[in-house]
């Protein structure tokens, strides 16, 4: 009976681990606190066109194209974070249209905002969305590719880093609060928010994620393995000194892996996604000047 009880206990423990891994994978695939779409360009007096475009795997993504109000021919693709949407990013970057005068394409990644889709993968499938955004511009705004840049925040920064090596038409990029390693950011988010240890639960979670998505390499999409391939195009990496999810040392490690030309700015006192809020005037000047200089 003792052996039987040991076997039953081990089976129960295995079942609990699998259930926890299934739940953890679900948190990645279905962000528990998605931001509602509450902000629109008209809030800032900005003219725009509602746009939509299809991904190669059959989803329809929704976005806004904000034309330059000054005749500017520079164009930016804006990539939002995990659980956020184009409106959330607009709140933090509308100055690039209103004051700086760029053409801007905002869009919702799959399963975010107004776009179709059931799951998010924090990088892998989102590169398919980025491809769709590039294709939309090629078809509908071909001249925009002459002076095209990208701004990415958090997951959006990771997606831009993963995508740029395949897209030489993107001439320059700003990456705010990027993560270097996929598995580490999952581990840190799980510990910060749920106090879940890496071993064994996160290992099981990543296994279940691969199984549920059906892509064995889904958790291998780490920006630190791609960022060196962006050179010789210029990049500007921004991090927050008080960012607990993408801490300063992670942002600096990713920056160190990149080739020149590159620049880094760690904003004192800034938490995740709040760099502009902590240094608004300097932030807006630095980001706009970077794109004006390199596009």
C-alpha atoms as a PDB file:
ATOM      1  CA  UNK A   1       0.000   0.000   0.000  1.00  0.00           C
ATOM      2  CA  UNK A   2       2.892   2.350   0.743  1.00  0.00           C
ATOM      3  CA  UNK A   3       4.199   2.037  -2.819  1.00  0.00           C
ATOM      4  CA  UNK A   4       0.696   2.588  -4.173  1.00  0.00           C
ATOM      5  CA  UNK A   5       0.284   5.759  -2.126  1.00  0.00           C
ATOM      6  CA  UNK A   6       3.654   7.038  -3.321  1.00  0.00           C
ATOM      7  CA  UNK A   7       2.662   6.394  -6.930  1.00  0.00           C
ATOM      8  CA  UNK A   8      -0.695   8.089  -6.416  1.00  0.00           C
ATOM      9  CA  UNK A   9       0.982  11.067  -4.754  1.00  0.00           C
ATOM     10  CA  UNK A  10       3.448  11.411  -7.638  1.00  0.00           C
ATOM     11  CA  UNK A  11       0.613  11.218 -10.168  1.00  0.00           C
ATOM     12  CA  UNK A  12      -1.324  13.850  -8.255  1.00  0.00           C
ATOM     13  CA  UNK A  13       1.734  16.104  -8.138  1.00  0.00           C
ATOM     14  CA  UNK A  14       2.280  15.645 -11.882  1.00  0.00           C
ATOM     15  CA  UNK A  15      -1.364  16.484 -12.544  1.00  0.00           C
ATOM     16  CA  UNK A  16      -1.082  19.629 -10.418  1.00  0.00           C
ATOM     17  CA  UNK A  17       2.056  20.696 -12.280  1.00  0.00           C
ATOM     18  CA  UNK A  18       0.398  20.144 -15.651  1.00  0.00           C
ATOM     19  CA  UNK A  19      -2.684  22.060 -14.541  1.00  0.00           C
ATOM     20  CA  UNK A  20      -0.518  24.925 -13.290  1.00  0.00           C
ATOM     21  CA  UNK A  21       1.434  24.894 -16.550  1.00  0.00           C
ATOM     22  CA  UNK A  22      -1.806  24.967 -18.545  1.00  0.00           C
ATOM     23  CA  UNK A  23      -2.982  27.945 -16.495  1.00  0.00           C
ATOM     24  CA  UNK A  24       0.353  29.735 -16.876  1.00  0.00           C
ATOM     25  CA  UNK A  25       0.366  29.251 -20.634  1.00  0.00           C
ATOM     26  CA  UNK A  26      -3.161  30.648 -20.684  1.00  0.00           C
ATOM     27  CA  UNK A  27      -1.979  33.820 -18.943  1.00  0.00           C
ATOM     28  CA  UNK A  28       0.553  34.349 -21.752  1.00  0.00           C
ATOM     29  CA  UNK A  29      -1.947  33.546 -24.487  1.00  0.00           C
ATOM     30  CA  UNK A  30      -4.828  35.494 -22.919  1.00  0.00           C
ATOM     31  CA  UNK A  31      -3.511  38.527 -20.999  1.00  0.00           C
ATOM     32  CA  UNK A  32      -5.539  38.797 -17.781  1.00  0.00           C
ATOM     33  CA  UNK A  33      -5.686  42.612 -17.717  1.00  0.00           C
ATOM     34  CA  UNK A  34      -6.081  43.851 -21.261  1.00  0.00           C
ATOM     35  CA  UNK A  35      -6.356  47.612 -21.584  1.00  0.00           C
ATOM     36  CA  UNK A  36      -9.689  48.701 -23.092  1.00  0.00           C
ATOM     37  CA  UNK A  37      -9.538  50.873 -26.202  1.00  0.00           C
ATOM     38  CA  UNK A  38     -10.487  54.254 -24.745  1.00  0.00           C
ATOM     39  CA  UNK A  39      -8.235  56.732 -26.561  1.00  0.00           C
ATOM     40  CA  UNK A  40      -8.690  57.890 -30.156  1.00  0.00           C
ATOM     41  CA  UNK A  41      -6.873  60.403 -32.400  1.00  0.00           C
ATOM     42  CA  UNK A  42      -9.779  62.883 -32.308  1.00  0.00           C
ATOM     43  CA  UNK A  43      -9.061  63.371 -28.600  1.00  0.00           C
ATOM     44  CA  UNK A  44      -5.939  65.248 -29.708  1.00  0.00           C
ATOM     45  CA  UNK A  45      -7.479  66.915 -32.758  1.00  0.00           C
ATOM     46  CA  UNK A  46      -5.617  64.603 -35.123  1.00  0.00           C
ATOM     47  CA  UNK A  47      -7.081  63.656 -38.510  1.00  0.00           C
ATOM     48  CA  UNK A  48      -6.843  59.965 -39.320  1.00  0.00           C
ATOM     49  CA  UNK A  49      -8.082  57.143 -41.501  1.00  0.00           C
ATOM     50  CA  UNK A  50      -9.362  53.867 -40.125  1.00  0.00           C
ATOM     51  CA  UNK A  51      -7.512  51.040 -41.844  1.00  0.00           C
ATOM     52  CA  UNK A  52      -7.541  47.253 -41.784  1.00  0.00           C
ATOM     53  CA  UNK A  53      -5.324  44.617 -43.313  1.00  0.00           C
ATOM     54  CA  UNK A  54      -5.027  40.843 -43.328  1.00  0.00           C
ATOM     55  CA  UNK A  55      -2.245  38.704 -41.903  1.00  0.00           C
ATOM     56  CA  UNK A  56      -0.802  35.732 -43.767  1.00  0.00           C
ATOM     57  CA  UNK A  57      -2.649  33.406 -41.374  1.00  0.00           C
ATOM     58  CA  UNK A  58      -6.032  34.958 -42.114  1.00  0.00           C
ATOM     59  CA  UNK A  59      -6.679  37.495 -39.349  1.00  0.00           C
ATOM     60  CA  UNK A  60      -7.908  41.048 -39.867  1.00  0.00           C
ATOM     61  CA  UNK A  61      -5.981  43.694 -37.971  1.00  0.00           C
ATOM     62  CA  UNK A  62      -7.412  47.148 -37.334  1.00  0.00           C
ATOM     63  CA  UNK A  63      -5.455  50.372 -37.224  1.00  0.00           C
ATOM     64  CA  UNK A  64      -5.267  54.105 -37.799  1.00  0.00           C
ATOM     65  CA  UNK A  65      -3.196  55.972 -40.346  1.00  0.00           C
ATOM     66  CA  UNK A  66      -2.444  59.524 -39.239  1.00  0.00           C
ATOM     67  CA  UNK A  67      -1.225  61.654 -42.166  1.00  0.00           C
ATOM     68  CA  UNK A  68       1.383  64.318 -41.590  1.00  0.00           C
ATOM     69  CA  UNK A  69      -0.115  67.734 -40.967  1.00  0.00           C
ATOM     70  CA  UNK A  70       3.018  69.476 -42.216  1.00  0.00           C
ATOM     71  CA  UNK A  71       3.660  67.610 -45.459  1.00  0.00           C
ATOM     72  CA  UNK A  72       6.281  65.464 -43.732  1.00  0.00           C
ATOM     73  CA  UNK A  73       7.271  62.390 -45.764  1.00  0.00           C
ATOM     74  CA  UNK A  74       8.734  60.433 -42.852  1.00  0.00           C
ATOM     75  CA  UNK A  75       6.555  57.545 -41.637  1.00  0.00           C
ATOM     76  CA  UNK A  76       6.518  55.554 -38.407  1.00  0.00           C
ATOM     77  CA  UNK A  77       5.017  52.156 -37.568  1.00  0.00           C
ATOM     78  CA  UNK A  78       3.945  52.031 -33.922  1.00  0.00           C
ATOM     79  CA  UNK A  79       4.021  48.724 -32.008  1.00  0.00           C
ATOM     80  CA  UNK A  80       2.221  48.451 -28.660  1.00  0.00           C
ATOM     81  CA  UNK A  81       2.825  46.223 -25.642  1.00  0.00           C
ATOM     82  CA  UNK A  82       1.327  42.990 -24.308  1.00  0.00           C
ATOM     83  CA  UNK A  83      -2.202  43.552 -23.070  1.00  0.00           C
ATOM     84  CA  UNK A  84      -2.277  47.095 -24.480  1.00  0.00           C
ATOM     85  CA  UNK A  85      -3.550  48.540 -27.761  1.00  0.00           C
ATOM     86  CA  UNK A  86      -3.043  51.327 -30.258  1.00  0.00           C
ATOM     87  CA  UNK A  87      -4.948  53.814 -28.095  1.00  0.00           C
ATOM     88  CA  UNK A  88      -2.712  53.170 -25.087  1.00  0.00           C
ATOM     89  CA  UNK A  89       0.351  53.805 -27.259  1.00  0.00           C
ATOM     90  CA  UNK A  90      -1.255  56.870 -28.853  1.00  0.00           C
ATOM     91  CA  UNK A  91      -1.563  58.469 -25.399  1.00  0.00           C
ATOM     92  CA  UNK A  92       2.193  58.201 -24.986  1.00  0.00           C
ATOM     93  CA  UNK A  93       3.270  59.117 -28.502  1.00  0.00           C
ATOM     94  CA  UNK A  94       0.709  61.429 -30.131  1.00  0.00           C
ATOM     95  CA  UNK A  95       3.349  64.197 -30.097  1.00  0.00           C
ATOM     96  CA  UNK A  96       5.038  62.403 -33.004  1.00  0.00           C
ATOM     97  CA  UNK A  97       2.032  63.386 -35.097  1.00  0.00           C
ATOM     98  CA  UNK A  98       0.803  66.574 -33.445  1.00  0.00           C
ATOM     99  CA  UNK A  99       4.124  68.342 -32.842  1.00  0.00           C
ATOM    100  CA  UNK A 100       6.687  66.394 -34.871  1.00  0.00           C
ATOM    101  CA  UNK A 101       4.459  65.975 -37.923  1.00  0.00           C
ATOM    102  CA  UNK A 102       5.251  62.396 -38.982  1.00  0.00           C
ATOM    103  CA  UNK A 103       2.918  60.084 -40.880  1.00  0.00           C
ATOM    104  CA  UNK A 104       2.043  57.341 -38.404  1.00  0.00           C
ATOM    105  CA  UNK A 105       0.540  53.875 -38.639  1.00  0.00           C
ATOM    106  CA  UNK A 106      -0.899  52.580 -35.364  1.00  0.00           C
ATOM    107  CA  UNK A 107      -2.397  49.083 -35.308  1.00  0.00           C
ATOM    108  CA  UNK A 108      -3.659  46.513 -32.839  1.00  0.00           C
ATOM    109  CA  UNK A 109      -1.807  43.222 -32.699  1.00  0.00           C
ATOM    110  CA  UNK A 110      -3.845  40.025 -32.884  1.00  0.00           C
ATOM    111  CA  UNK A 111      -6.247  39.504 -29.979  1.00  0.00           C
ATOM    112  CA  UNK A 112      -5.748  43.118 -28.850  1.00  0.00           C
ATOM    113  CA  UNK A 113      -7.913  46.195 -29.274  1.00  0.00           C
ATOM    114  CA  UNK A 114     -10.122  45.935 -32.357  1.00  0.00           C
ATOM    115  CA  UNK A 115      -8.126  43.248 -34.158  1.00  0.00           C
ATOM    116  CA  UNK A 116      -9.158  39.640 -34.677  1.00  0.00           C
ATOM    117  CA  UNK A 117      -7.425  36.703 -33.053  1.00  0.00           C
ATOM    118  CA  UNK A 118      -7.707  34.529 -29.972  1.00  0.00           C
ATOM    119  CA  UNK A 119      -4.171  34.383 -28.609  1.00  0.00           C
ATOM    120  CA  UNK A 120      -1.004  36.410 -28.187  1.00  0.00           C
ATOM    121  CA  UNK A 121       2.505  34.970 -27.955  1.00  0.00           C
ATOM    122  CA  UNK A 122       4.599  38.018 -26.930  1.00  0.00           C
ATOM    123  CA  UNK A 123       6.659  37.908 -30.097  1.00  0.00           C
ATOM    124  CA  UNK A 124       6.388  34.867 -32.340  1.00  0.00           C
ATOM    125  CA  UNK A 125       2.961  35.336 -33.964  1.00  0.00           C
ATOM    126  CA  UNK A 126       3.196  39.104 -33.580  1.00  0.00           C
ATOM    127  CA  UNK A 127       5.983  39.167 -36.154  1.00  0.00           C
ATOM    128  CA  UNK A 128       3.321  37.964 -38.603  1.00  0.00           C
ATOM    129  CA  UNK A 129       1.295  41.051 -37.671  1.00  0.00           C
ATOM    130  CA  UNK A 130       4.312  43.273 -38.307  1.00  0.00           C
ATOM    131  CA  UNK A 131       4.719  41.692 -41.743  1.00  0.00           C
ATOM    132  CA  UNK A 132       1.072  42.534 -42.460  1.00  0.00           C
ATOM    133  CA  UNK A 133       1.625  46.171 -41.469  1.00  0.00           C
ATOM    134  CA  UNK A 134       4.624  46.435 -43.813  1.00  0.00           C
ATOM    135  CA  UNK A 135       2.606  44.841 -46.613  1.00  0.00           C
ATOM    136  CA  UNK A 136      -0.224  47.314 -46.031  1.00  0.00           C
ATOM    137  CA  UNK A 137       2.150  50.246 -46.446  1.00  0.00           C
ATOM    138  CA  UNK A 138       3.757  48.708 -49.537  1.00  0.00           C
ATOM    139  CA  UNK A 139       0.363  48.346 -51.171  1.00  0.00           C
ATOM    140  CA  UNK A 140      -1.389  51.498 -49.983  1.00  0.00           C
ATOM    141  CA  UNK A 141       1.361  53.981 -49.092  1.00  0.00           C
ATOM    142  CA  UNK A 142       4.400  52.847 -51.126  1.00  0.00           C
ATOM    143  CA  UNK A 143       6.187  56.198 -50.809  1.00  0.00           C
ATOM    144  CA  UNK A 144       6.216  55.791 -47.024  1.00  0.00           C
ATOM    145  CA  UNK A 145       8.844  53.074 -47.322  1.00  0.00           C
ATOM    146  CA  UNK A 146      11.415  55.609 -48.505  1.00  0.00           C
ATOM    147  CA  UNK A 147      11.792  57.092 -45.005  1.00  0.00           C
ATOM    148  CA  UNK A 148      10.289  54.490 -42.692  1.00  0.00           C
ATOM    149  CA  UNK A 149      10.965  54.034 -38.996  1.00  0.00           C
ATOM    150  CA  UNK A 150       9.464  52.027 -36.163  1.00  0.00           C
ATOM    151  CA  UNK A 151       8.678  52.760 -32.529  1.00  0.00           C
ATOM    152  CA  UNK A 152       8.085  49.810 -30.232  1.00  0.00           C
ATOM    153  CA  UNK A 153       7.166  49.701 -26.554  1.00  0.00           C
ATOM    154  CA  UNK A 154       7.685  46.622 -24.369  1.00  0.00           C
ATOM    155  CA  UNK A 155       6.377  43.642 -26.393  1.00  0.00           C
ATOM    156  CA  UNK A 156       6.173  46.004 -29.362  1.00  0.00           C
ATOM    157  CA  UNK A 157       9.876  46.770 -29.010  1.00  0.00           C
ATOM    158  CA  UNK A 158      10.621  43.036 -29.002  1.00  0.00           C
ATOM    159  CA  UNK A 159       8.458  42.476 -32.086  1.00  0.00           C
ATOM    160  CA  UNK A 160      10.224  45.291 -33.929  1.00  0.00           C
ATOM    161  CA  UNK A 161      13.658  43.883 -33.031  1.00  0.00           C
ATOM    162  CA  UNK A 162      12.628  40.395 -34.162  1.00  0.00           C
ATOM    163  CA  UNK A 163      11.196  41.743 -37.431  1.00  0.00           C
ATOM    164  CA  UNK A 164      13.718  44.361 -38.552  1.00  0.00           C
ATOM    165  CA  UNK A 165      16.440  41.968 -39.767  1.00  0.00           C
ATOM    166  CA  UNK A 166      14.012  40.848 -42.505  1.00  0.00           C
ATOM    167  CA  UNK A 167      12.935  44.387 -43.376  1.00  0.00           C
ATOM    168  CA  UNK A 168      15.721  46.649 -44.632  1.00  0.00           C
ATOM    169  CA  UNK A 169      13.068  49.188 -45.606  1.00  0.00           C
ATOM    170  CA  UNK A 170      12.846  50.108 -41.906  1.00  0.00           C
ATOM    171  CA  UNK A 171      15.639  52.658 -41.628  1.00  0.00           C
ATOM    172  CA  UNK A 172      15.703  53.443 -37.877  1.00  0.00           C
ATOM    173  CA  UNK A 173      13.996  52.407 -34.653  1.00  0.00           C
ATOM    174  CA  UNK A 174      13.251  53.452 -31.094  1.00  0.00           C
ATOM    175  CA  UNK A 175      12.844  50.602 -28.616  1.00  0.00           C
ATOM    176  CA  UNK A 176      11.356  51.515 -25.241  1.00  0.00           C
ATOM    177  CA  UNK A 177      11.516  48.985 -22.374  1.00  0.00           C
ATOM    178  CA  UNK A 178      12.508  45.989 -24.526  1.00  0.00           C
ATOM    179  CA  UNK A 179      13.159  42.603 -22.957  1.00  0.00           C
ATOM    180  CA  UNK A 180      16.269  40.666 -24.007  1.00  0.00           C
ATOM    181  CA  UNK A 181      15.181  37.094 -23.284  1.00  0.00           C
ATOM    182  CA  UNK A 182      11.698  35.575 -23.682  1.00  0.00           C
ATOM    183  CA  UNK A 183      11.955  32.990 -20.922  1.00  0.00           C
ATOM    184  CA  UNK A 184      13.369  35.481 -18.436  1.00  0.00           C
ATOM    185  CA  UNK A 185      10.602  38.017 -18.964  1.00  0.00           C
ATOM    186  CA  UNK A 186       7.985  35.291 -18.452  1.00  0.00           C
ATOM    187  CA  UNK A 187       9.810  34.224 -15.290  1.00  0.00           C
ATOM    188  CA  UNK A 188      10.009  37.785 -13.972  1.00  0.00           C
ATOM    189  CA  UNK A 189       6.360  38.618 -14.738  1.00  0.00           C
ATOM    190  CA  UNK A 190       5.233  35.412 -13.012  1.00  0.00           C
ATOM    191  CA  UNK A 191       7.301  36.192  -9.929  1.00  0.00           C
ATOM    192  CA  UNK A 192       6.395  39.907  -9.772  1.00  0.00           C
ATOM    193  CA  UNK A 193       2.662  39.313 -10.171  1.00  0.00           C
ATOM    194  CA  UNK A 194       1.998  35.791  -8.870  1.00  0.00           C
ATOM    195  CA  UNK A 195       5.116  34.854  -6.854  1.00  0.00           C
ATOM    196  CA  UNK A 196       5.532  31.731  -8.980  1.00  0.00           C
ATOM    197  CA  UNK A 197       9.075  30.268  -8.972  1.00  0.00           C
ATOM    198  CA  UNK A 198      10.868  29.413 -12.195  1.00  0.00           C
ATOM    199  CA  UNK A 199      11.469  25.775 -11.268  1.00  0.00           C
ATOM    200  CA  UNK A 200       9.481  23.782 -11.930  1.00  0.00           C
ATOM    201  CA  UNK A 201       6.340  25.775 -12.733  1.00  0.00           C
ATOM    202  CA  UNK A 202       7.645  28.158 -15.414  1.00  0.00           C
ATOM    203  CA  UNK A 203       9.464  25.314 -17.168  1.00  0.00           C
ATOM    204  CA  UNK A 204       6.159  23.415 -17.306  1.00  0.00           C
ATOM    205  CA  UNK A 205       4.342  26.575 -18.408  1.00  0.00           C
ATOM    206  CA  UNK A 206       6.710  27.066 -21.358  1.00  0.00           C
ATOM    207  CA  UNK A 207       6.290  23.414 -22.325  1.00  0.00           C
ATOM    208  CA  UNK A 208       2.507  23.808 -22.279  1.00  0.00           C
ATOM    209  CA  UNK A 209       2.801  27.046 -24.257  1.00  0.00           C
ATOM    210  CA  UNK A 210       4.664  25.262 -27.054  1.00  0.00           C
ATOM    211  CA  UNK A 211       2.069  22.507 -27.057  1.00  0.00           C
ATOM    212  CA  UNK A 212      -0.945  24.832 -27.044  1.00  0.00           C
ATOM    213  CA  UNK A 213       0.390  27.139 -29.775  1.00  0.00           C
ATOM    214  CA  UNK A 214       1.731  24.271 -31.860  1.00  0.00           C
ATOM    215  CA  UNK A 215       5.042  26.067 -32.500  1.00  0.00           C
ATOM    216  CA  UNK A 216       8.009  24.333 -30.801  1.00  0.00           C
ATOM    217  CA  UNK A 217      10.195  27.454 -30.995  1.00  0.00           C
ATOM    218  CA  UNK A 218       7.568  29.917 -29.711  1.00  0.00           C
ATOM    219  CA  UNK A 219       9.638  30.756 -26.614  1.00  0.00           C
ATOM    220  CA  UNK A 220      12.879  31.071 -28.598  1.00  0.00           C
ATOM    221  CA  UNK A 221      11.917  34.494 -29.978  1.00  0.00           C
ATOM    222  CA  UNK A 222      14.356  36.470 -27.844  1.00  0.00           C
ATOM    223  CA  UNK A 223      15.420  39.954 -29.029  1.00  0.00           C
ATOM    224  CA  UNK A 224      18.979  39.467 -27.784  1.00  0.00           C
ATOM    225  CA  UNK A 225      19.476  36.884 -30.542  1.00  0.00           C
ATOM    226  CA  UNK A 226      18.244  39.276 -33.250  1.00  0.00           C
ATOM    227  CA  UNK A 227      19.289  42.816 -32.345  1.00  0.00           C
ATOM    228  CA  UNK A 228      22.818  42.545 -33.747  1.00  0.00           C
ATOM    229  CA  UNK A 229      21.340  41.842 -37.195  1.00  0.00           C
ATOM    230  CA  UNK A 230      19.745  45.297 -37.374  1.00  0.00           C
ATOM    231  CA  UNK A 231      23.053  47.136 -37.954  1.00  0.00           C
ATOM    232  CA  UNK A 232      24.100  49.331 -39.651  1.00  0.00           C
ATOM    233  CA  UNK A 233      20.699  50.966 -39.165  1.00  0.00           C
ATOM    234  CA  UNK A 234      20.567  53.278 -36.115  1.00  0.00           C
ATOM    235  CA  UNK A 235      18.612  52.374 -32.990  1.00  0.00           C
ATOM    236  CA  UNK A 236      17.705  54.304 -29.837  1.00  0.00           C
ATOM    237  CA  UNK A 237      17.076  52.166 -26.745  1.00  0.00           C
ATOM    238  CA  UNK A 238      15.137  53.679 -23.830  1.00  0.00           C
ATOM    239  CA  UNK A 239      14.625  52.118 -20.404  1.00  0.00           C
ATOM    240  CA  UNK A 240      13.196  53.101 -17.038  1.00  0.00           C
ATOM    241  CA  UNK A 241      15.437  53.120 -13.980  1.00  0.00           C
ATOM    242  CA  UNK A 242      12.495  51.873 -11.857  1.00  0.00           C
ATOM    243  CA  UNK A 243      11.122  49.347 -14.357  1.00  0.00           C
ATOM    244  CA  UNK A 244      10.545  46.092 -12.459  1.00  0.00           C
ATOM    245  CA  UNK A 245       9.551  44.054 -15.529  1.00  0.00           C
ATOM    246  CA  UNK A 246      12.313  45.142 -17.916  1.00  0.00           C
ATOM    247  CA  UNK A 247      14.919  46.347 -15.378  1.00  0.00           C
ATOM    248  CA  UNK A 248      17.790  48.614 -16.281  1.00  0.00           C
ATOM    249  CA  UNK A 249      20.351  45.789 -16.349  1.00  0.00           C
ATOM    250  CA  UNK A 250      18.277  43.848 -18.895  1.00  0.00           C
ATOM    251  CA  UNK A 251      17.855  46.876 -21.156  1.00  0.00           C
ATOM    252  CA  UNK A 252      21.578  47.571 -20.923  1.00  0.00           C
ATOM    253  CA  UNK A 253      22.434  43.936 -21.709  1.00  0.00           C
ATOM    254  CA  UNK A 254      20.305  44.089 -24.848  1.00  0.00           C
ATOM    255  CA  UNK A 255      21.869  47.420 -25.819  1.00  0.00           C
ATOM    256  CA  UNK A 256      25.369  46.001 -25.384  1.00  0.00           C
ATOM    257  CA  UNK A 257      24.558  43.168 -27.788  1.00  0.00           C
ATOM    258  CA  UNK A 258      23.540  45.630 -30.511  1.00  0.00           C
ATOM    259  CA  UNK A 259      26.035  46.949 -33.050  1.00  0.00           C
ATOM    260  CA  UNK A 260      26.689  50.608 -33.806  1.00  0.00           C
ATOM    261  CA  UNK A 261      25.163  53.052 -34.543  1.00  0.00           C
ATOM    262  CA  UNK A 262      23.182  52.976 -31.308  1.00  0.00           C
ATOM    263  CA  UNK A 263      22.287  55.164 -28.339  1.00  0.00           C
ATOM    264  CA  UNK A 264      20.903  54.429 -24.868  1.00  0.00           C
ATOM    265  CA  UNK A 265      18.909  56.470 -22.379  1.00  0.00           C
ATOM    266  CA  UNK A 266      17.842  55.234 -18.942  1.00  0.00           C
ATOM    267  CA  UNK A 267      15.165  57.590 -17.618  1.00  0.00           C
ATOM    268  CA  UNK A 268      15.574  58.252 -13.861  1.00  0.00           C
ATOM    269  CA  UNK A 269      12.567  57.289 -11.762  1.00  0.00           C
ATOM    270  CA  UNK A 270      10.600  55.811 -14.665  1.00  0.00           C
ATOM    271  CA  UNK A 271       8.546  52.635 -14.226  1.00  0.00           C
ATOM    272  CA  UNK A 272       7.477  50.349 -17.052  1.00  0.00           C
ATOM    273  CA  UNK A 273       5.865  52.261 -19.922  1.00  0.00           C
ATOM    274  CA  UNK A 274       6.188  55.586 -18.088  1.00  0.00           C
ATOM    275  CA  UNK A 275       9.395  57.064 -19.509  1.00  0.00           C
ATOM    276  CA  UNK A 276       7.567  59.922 -21.226  1.00  0.00           C
ATOM    277  CA  UNK A 277       5.569  60.665 -18.085  1.00  0.00           C
ATOM    278  CA  UNK A 278       8.793  61.123 -16.102  1.00  0.00           C
ATOM    279  CA  UNK A 279      10.685  63.215 -18.647  1.00  0.00           C
ATOM    280  CA  UNK A 280       8.092  64.559 -21.075  1.00  0.00           C
ATOM    281  CA  UNK A 281       9.892  67.524 -22.638  1.00  0.00           C
ATOM    282  CA  UNK A 282      13.241  65.763 -22.948  1.00  0.00           C
ATOM    283  CA  UNK A 283      11.601  62.503 -24.017  1.00  0.00           C
ATOM    284  CA  UNK A 284       9.639  64.123 -26.836  1.00  0.00           C
ATOM    285  CA  UNK A 285      12.656  66.101 -28.013  1.00  0.00           C
ATOM    286  CA  UNK A 286      14.979  63.071 -27.998  1.00  0.00           C
ATOM    287  CA  UNK A 287      12.603  60.714 -29.793  1.00  0.00           C
ATOM    288  CA  UNK A 288      11.521  63.231 -32.434  1.00  0.00           C
ATOM    289  CA  UNK A 289      15.110  64.381 -33.045  1.00  0.00           C
ATOM    290  CA  UNK A 290      16.305  60.793 -33.433  1.00  0.00           C
ATOM    291  CA  UNK A 291      13.747  60.077 -36.148  1.00  0.00           C
ATOM    292  CA  UNK A 292      14.292  63.411 -37.904  1.00  0.00           C
ATOM    293  CA  UNK A 293      18.032  62.755 -37.953  1.00  0.00           C
ATOM    294  CA  UNK A 294      17.923  59.215 -39.258  1.00  0.00           C
ATOM    295  CA  UNK A 295      14.920  59.136 -41.601  1.00  0.00           C
END
